[in-house]
Protein backbone atom coordinates (compact mmCIF):
# COMPACT_ATOMS: atom_id res chain seq x y z
CA UNK A 1 6.55 75.20 -30.19
CA UNK A 2 5.25 72.24 -32.16
CA UNK A 3 7.85 69.72 -33.32
CA UNK A 4 8.15 69.61 -37.13
CA UNK A 5 8.40 65.79 -37.10
CA UNK A 6 6.84 63.09 -34.89
CA UNK A 7 9.17 61.90 -32.14
CA UNK A 8 7.03 59.24 -30.46
CA UNK A 9 8.63 56.16 -32.05
CA UNK A 10 12.21 57.34 -31.63
CA UNK A 11 11.53 58.39 -28.03
CA UNK A 12 10.17 54.91 -27.32
CA UNK A 13 13.34 53.44 -28.83
CA UNK A 14 15.44 55.80 -26.70
CA UNK A 15 13.47 54.83 -23.58
CA UNK A 16 14.14 51.14 -24.19
CA UNK A 17 17.80 51.89 -24.89
CA UNK A 18 18.14 53.74 -21.58
CA UNK A 19 16.52 50.82 -19.75
CA UNK A 20 19.01 48.41 -21.33
CA UNK A 21 21.94 50.60 -20.27
CA UNK A 22 20.57 50.77 -16.74
CA UNK A 23 20.24 46.99 -16.75
CA UNK A 24 23.89 46.61 -17.79
CA UNK A 25 25.03 48.87 -14.95
CA UNK A 26 22.87 47.12 -12.33
CA UNK A 27 24.02 43.65 -13.49
CA UNK A 28 27.64 44.76 -13.13
CA UNK A 29 27.11 46.31 -9.69
CA UNK A 30 24.64 44.11 -7.81
CA UNK A 31 25.74 40.56 -6.79
CA UNK A 32 22.13 39.35 -6.55
CA UNK A 33 21.63 39.80 -10.29
CA UNK A 34 24.97 38.13 -10.96
CA UNK A 35 24.17 35.15 -8.77
CA UNK A 36 20.93 34.38 -10.63
CA UNK A 37 22.32 35.45 -14.03
CA UNK A 38 19.59 38.00 -14.67
CA UNK A 39 20.18 39.39 -18.19
CA UNK A 40 20.45 43.15 -18.49
CA UNK A 41 17.43 43.30 -20.77
CA UNK A 42 15.18 41.71 -18.14
CA UNK A 43 16.48 43.99 -15.39
CA UNK A 44 15.78 46.99 -17.60
CA UNK A 45 12.37 45.57 -18.48
CA UNK A 46 11.37 45.35 -14.82
CA UNK A 47 12.45 48.97 -14.36
CA UNK A 48 10.38 49.92 -17.39
CA UNK A 49 7.39 48.06 -15.99
CA UNK A 50 7.63 50.12 -12.81
CA UNK A 51 8.12 53.43 -14.62
CA UNK A 52 5.24 52.90 -17.04
CA UNK A 53 2.73 51.59 -14.49
CA UNK A 54 3.50 54.35 -11.98
CA UNK A 55 2.88 56.99 -14.63
CA UNK A 56 6.41 58.39 -14.51
CA UNK A 57 6.82 57.54 -18.20
CA UNK A 58 3.90 57.78 -20.60
CA UNK A 59 3.91 54.96 -23.11
CA UNK A 60 0.87 52.78 -23.75
CA UNK A 61 0.84 49.00 -23.66
CA UNK A 62 -0.11 49.03 -27.35
CA UNK A 63 3.04 50.99 -28.23
CA UNK A 64 5.26 48.60 -26.31
CA UNK A 65 3.56 45.50 -27.73
CA UNK A 66 3.95 46.76 -31.31
CA UNK A 67 7.60 47.60 -30.74
CA UNK A 68 8.29 44.22 -29.12
CA UNK A 69 6.49 42.37 -31.92
CA UNK A 70 8.62 43.90 -34.66
CA UNK A 71 11.88 43.60 -32.70
CA UNK A 72 11.22 39.91 -32.06
CA UNK A 73 10.67 39.38 -35.78
CA UNK A 74 13.91 41.19 -36.54
CA UNK A 75 15.81 39.11 -33.99
CA UNK A 76 14.58 35.82 -35.48
CA UNK A 77 15.44 36.99 -38.99
CA UNK A 78 18.91 37.91 -37.76
CA UNK A 79 19.40 34.45 -36.28
CA UNK A 80 18.40 32.87 -39.58
CA UNK A 81 20.91 35.01 -41.48
CA UNK A 82 23.73 34.34 -39.02
CA UNK A 83 26.45 32.00 -40.17
CA UNK A 84 27.73 29.59 -37.55
CA UNK A 85 31.35 29.22 -36.60
CA UNK A 86 33.53 27.06 -38.79
CA UNK A 87 32.83 23.46 -37.89
CA UNK A 88 35.68 21.24 -36.83
CA UNK A 89 36.32 18.32 -39.17
CA UNK A 90 36.37 15.72 -36.44
CA UNK A 91 33.81 12.96 -36.18
CA UNK A 92 33.55 13.47 -32.42
CA UNK A 93 32.61 17.10 -32.84
CA UNK A 94 29.96 16.24 -35.42
CA UNK A 95 28.52 13.55 -33.16
CA UNK A 96 28.26 16.05 -30.31
CA UNK A 97 26.37 18.46 -32.58
CA UNK A 98 23.96 15.71 -33.65
CA UNK A 99 23.45 14.51 -30.08
CA UNK A 100 22.82 18.04 -28.85
CA UNK A 101 20.33 18.78 -31.64
CA UNK A 102 18.45 15.53 -31.11
CA UNK A 103 18.33 16.01 -27.35
CA UNK A 104 17.02 19.57 -27.74
CA UNK A 105 14.41 18.43 -30.28
CA UNK A 106 13.32 15.59 -27.98
CA UNK A 107 13.05 17.91 -24.99
CA UNK A 108 11.09 20.48 -26.98
CA UNK A 109 8.86 17.79 -28.48
CA UNK A 110 7.95 16.48 -25.03
CA UNK A 111 7.64 19.65 -22.95
CA UNK A 112 5.62 21.70 -25.45
CA UNK A 113 2.70 19.25 -25.94
CA UNK A 114 2.81 18.31 -22.26
CA UNK A 115 2.36 21.93 -21.22
CA UNK A 116 -0.34 22.41 -23.86
CA UNK A 117 -2.21 19.36 -22.55
CA UNK A 118 -1.96 20.57 -18.95
CA UNK A 119 -3.16 24.04 -19.93
CA UNK A 120 -6.04 22.74 -22.04
CA UNK A 121 -7.18 20.26 -19.38
CA UNK A 122 -7.01 23.00 -16.75
CA UNK A 123 -9.43 25.11 -18.80
CA UNK A 124 -11.82 22.15 -19.00
CA UNK A 125 -11.48 21.53 -15.27
CA UNK A 126 -12.24 25.16 -14.45
CA UNK A 127 -15.31 25.02 -16.70
CA UNK A 128 -16.66 22.11 -14.65
CA UNK A 129 -16.66 24.39 -11.60
CA UNK A 130 -18.37 27.20 -13.50
CA UNK A 131 -15.31 29.30 -14.37
CA UNK A 132 -15.55 29.98 -18.08
CA UNK A 133 -12.25 30.77 -19.76
CA UNK A 134 -11.51 31.38 -23.41
CA UNK A 135 -10.89 27.98 -25.08
CA UNK A 136 -7.28 28.80 -26.01
CA UNK A 137 -6.37 30.25 -22.61
CA UNK A 138 -4.49 27.11 -21.56
CA UNK A 139 -2.39 27.11 -24.72
CA UNK A 140 -0.74 30.35 -23.61
CA UNK A 141 1.21 28.21 -21.13
CA UNK A 142 3.49 26.49 -23.69
CA UNK A 143 3.64 29.60 -25.88
CA UNK A 144 4.84 31.81 -23.05
CA UNK A 145 6.53 29.37 -20.69
CA UNK A 146 8.21 27.19 -23.32
CA UNK A 147 8.52 29.26 -26.51
CA UNK A 148 8.96 32.75 -25.07
CA UNK A 149 7.40 36.22 -25.21
CA UNK A 150 7.64 36.58 -29.00
CA UNK A 151 5.34 33.66 -29.79
CA UNK A 152 3.03 34.42 -26.87
CA UNK A 153 2.64 38.01 -28.06
CA UNK A 154 2.07 37.02 -31.70
CA UNK A 155 -0.53 34.34 -30.99
CA UNK A 156 -2.12 36.49 -28.31
CA UNK A 157 -2.65 39.31 -30.80
CA UNK A 158 -4.27 36.89 -33.25
CA UNK A 159 -6.58 35.51 -30.56
CA UNK A 160 -7.59 39.02 -29.54
CA UNK A 161 -9.15 39.42 -32.99
CA UNK A 162 -11.52 36.51 -32.27
CA UNK A 163 -12.65 37.68 -28.84
CA UNK A 164 -9.88 36.71 -26.40
CA UNK A 165 -9.46 40.02 -24.57
CA UNK A 166 -5.93 40.94 -23.38
CA UNK A 167 -4.53 37.66 -24.72
CA UNK A 168 -1.22 39.29 -25.66
CA UNK A 169 -0.74 40.70 -22.17
CA UNK A 170 -1.61 37.35 -20.59
CA UNK A 171 0.82 35.59 -22.90
CA UNK A 172 3.61 37.94 -21.89
CA UNK A 173 2.70 37.23 -18.27
CA UNK A 174 3.18 33.50 -18.83
CA UNK A 175 6.51 34.25 -20.50
CA UNK A 176 7.57 36.28 -17.46
CA UNK A 177 6.71 33.33 -15.22
CA UNK A 178 8.88 31.14 -17.43
CA UNK A 179 11.81 33.53 -17.12
CA UNK A 180 11.53 33.77 -13.35
CA UNK A 181 11.25 29.99 -13.06
CA UNK A 182 14.45 29.69 -15.10
CA UNK A 183 16.28 32.19 -12.91
CA UNK A 184 15.14 31.08 -9.47
CA UNK A 185 14.90 27.33 -10.13
CA UNK A 186 17.00 26.58 -13.20
CA UNK A 187 20.05 28.69 -12.37
CA UNK A 188 20.40 27.29 -8.81
CA UNK A 189 20.22 23.78 -10.28
CA UNK A 190 22.95 24.66 -12.78
CA UNK A 191 25.11 26.10 -10.00
CA UNK A 192 24.56 22.94 -7.96
CA UNK A 193 25.84 20.70 -10.75
CA UNK A 194 28.74 23.05 -11.44
CA UNK A 195 29.83 22.60 -7.83
CA UNK A 196 29.51 18.83 -8.36
CA UNK A 197 32.00 19.07 -11.22
CA UNK A 198 29.58 18.47 -14.10
CA UNK A 199 30.65 21.62 -15.92
CA UNK A 200 33.23 21.61 -18.72
CA UNK A 201 35.24 23.94 -16.47
CA UNK A 202 35.20 21.43 -13.63
CA UNK A 203 34.38 22.83 -10.18
CA UNK A 204 35.92 26.23 -10.87
CA UNK A 205 32.59 27.99 -11.21
CA UNK A 206 31.63 30.58 -13.78
CA UNK A 207 34.19 33.16 -14.92
CA UNK A 208 34.01 36.67 -13.50
CA UNK A 209 33.19 38.38 -16.79
CA UNK A 210 30.32 35.93 -17.31
CA UNK A 211 28.79 36.88 -13.97
CA UNK A 212 29.36 40.63 -14.20
CA UNK A 213 28.45 40.86 -17.86
CA UNK A 214 31.44 43.06 -18.76
CA UNK A 215 34.85 42.20 -20.13
CA UNK A 216 37.60 43.63 -17.93
CA UNK A 217 40.38 45.80 -19.28
CA UNK A 218 43.37 43.80 -20.43
CA UNK A 219 41.30 40.63 -20.73
CA UNK A 220 41.29 38.78 -24.03
CA UNK A 221 38.21 39.76 -25.97
CA UNK A 222 36.35 37.69 -28.52
CA UNK A 223 35.88 38.92 -32.06
CA UNK A 224 32.33 39.91 -33.00
CA UNK A 225 32.87 39.14 -36.67
CA UNK A 226 34.62 40.35 -39.79
CA UNK A 227 33.94 43.17 -42.24
CA UNK A 228 32.21 41.93 -45.38
CA UNK A 229 32.29 45.20 -47.33
CA UNK A 230 34.82 47.97 -47.68
CA UNK A 231 33.99 50.88 -45.40
CA UNK A 232 34.56 53.32 -48.27
CA UNK A 233 31.49 51.83 -49.94
CA UNK A 234 29.01 50.68 -47.30
CA UNK A 235 29.25 50.04 -43.60
CA UNK A 236 29.00 46.29 -42.91
CA UNK A 237 26.49 46.75 -40.11
CA UNK A 238 24.26 48.86 -42.37
CA UNK A 239 24.48 46.15 -45.04
CA UNK A 240 23.45 43.47 -42.55
CA UNK A 241 20.54 45.66 -41.42
CA UNK A 242 19.52 46.05 -45.07
CA UNK A 243 19.47 42.26 -45.49
CA UNK A 244 17.24 41.94 -42.43
CA UNK A 245 14.94 44.61 -43.86
CA UNK A 246 14.78 42.79 -47.19
CA UNK A 247 13.78 39.52 -45.53
CA UNK A 248 11.22 41.35 -43.39
CA UNK A 249 9.54 42.91 -46.45
CA UNK A 250 9.57 39.61 -48.38
CA UNK A 251 8.03 37.83 -45.39
CA UNK A 252 5.36 40.51 -45.07
CA UNK A 253 4.47 40.20 -48.77
CA UNK A 254 4.35 36.41 -48.44
CA UNK A 255 1.96 36.33 -45.46
CA UNK A 256 -0.13 39.34 -46.49
């Protein structure tokens, strides 16, 4: 019997949802993932990579790239619409915010062009030895390794239109390398300095719920926010989703 409506998109969403749930369970059960602070989404993504490439689940790379592209856009819009916590009215707190912002900007301003220069020079070096790469190949390094999969996917798709074959896939590969470097190099360094007492918690280590990824029963739980509309009128989550949709459409009309 033929389905009266297409199910492909919603099945893809359901597949990703199942992978995320599996990642949550594995993070809570396996100490290895807890030790290196693997997020549930990445654990589920690795499982999805195995399932798709072994043919057990039939979704094309194009479907997954399109879904990831739009979800990344939605996530960035959501961040822009998110209101920060109420700031403390102390000069020390404000100074810490300024120092943190400046330090992050300085770090980003140094690492991004440095990685771009290394990537671009590597392409030139390979060309000397006869290995011809697409001119922008080296710039996938900062996009994937520094910025993340969203930017690497977006720029990769644009470069594919001018002849850079599989640029989006390569960009996601660089992003994966960045994640694994963070987990297997960055996290051990963080743990080392925690043991040295450089953490705000002293030498006590990370809390159990932080490692497991689940809040235990009876433990104090943080509030996720407050209702902004009366539930008899409109659900607050639906209203927030509508705002994200509005910004998405306005952005699309602006860049079209």
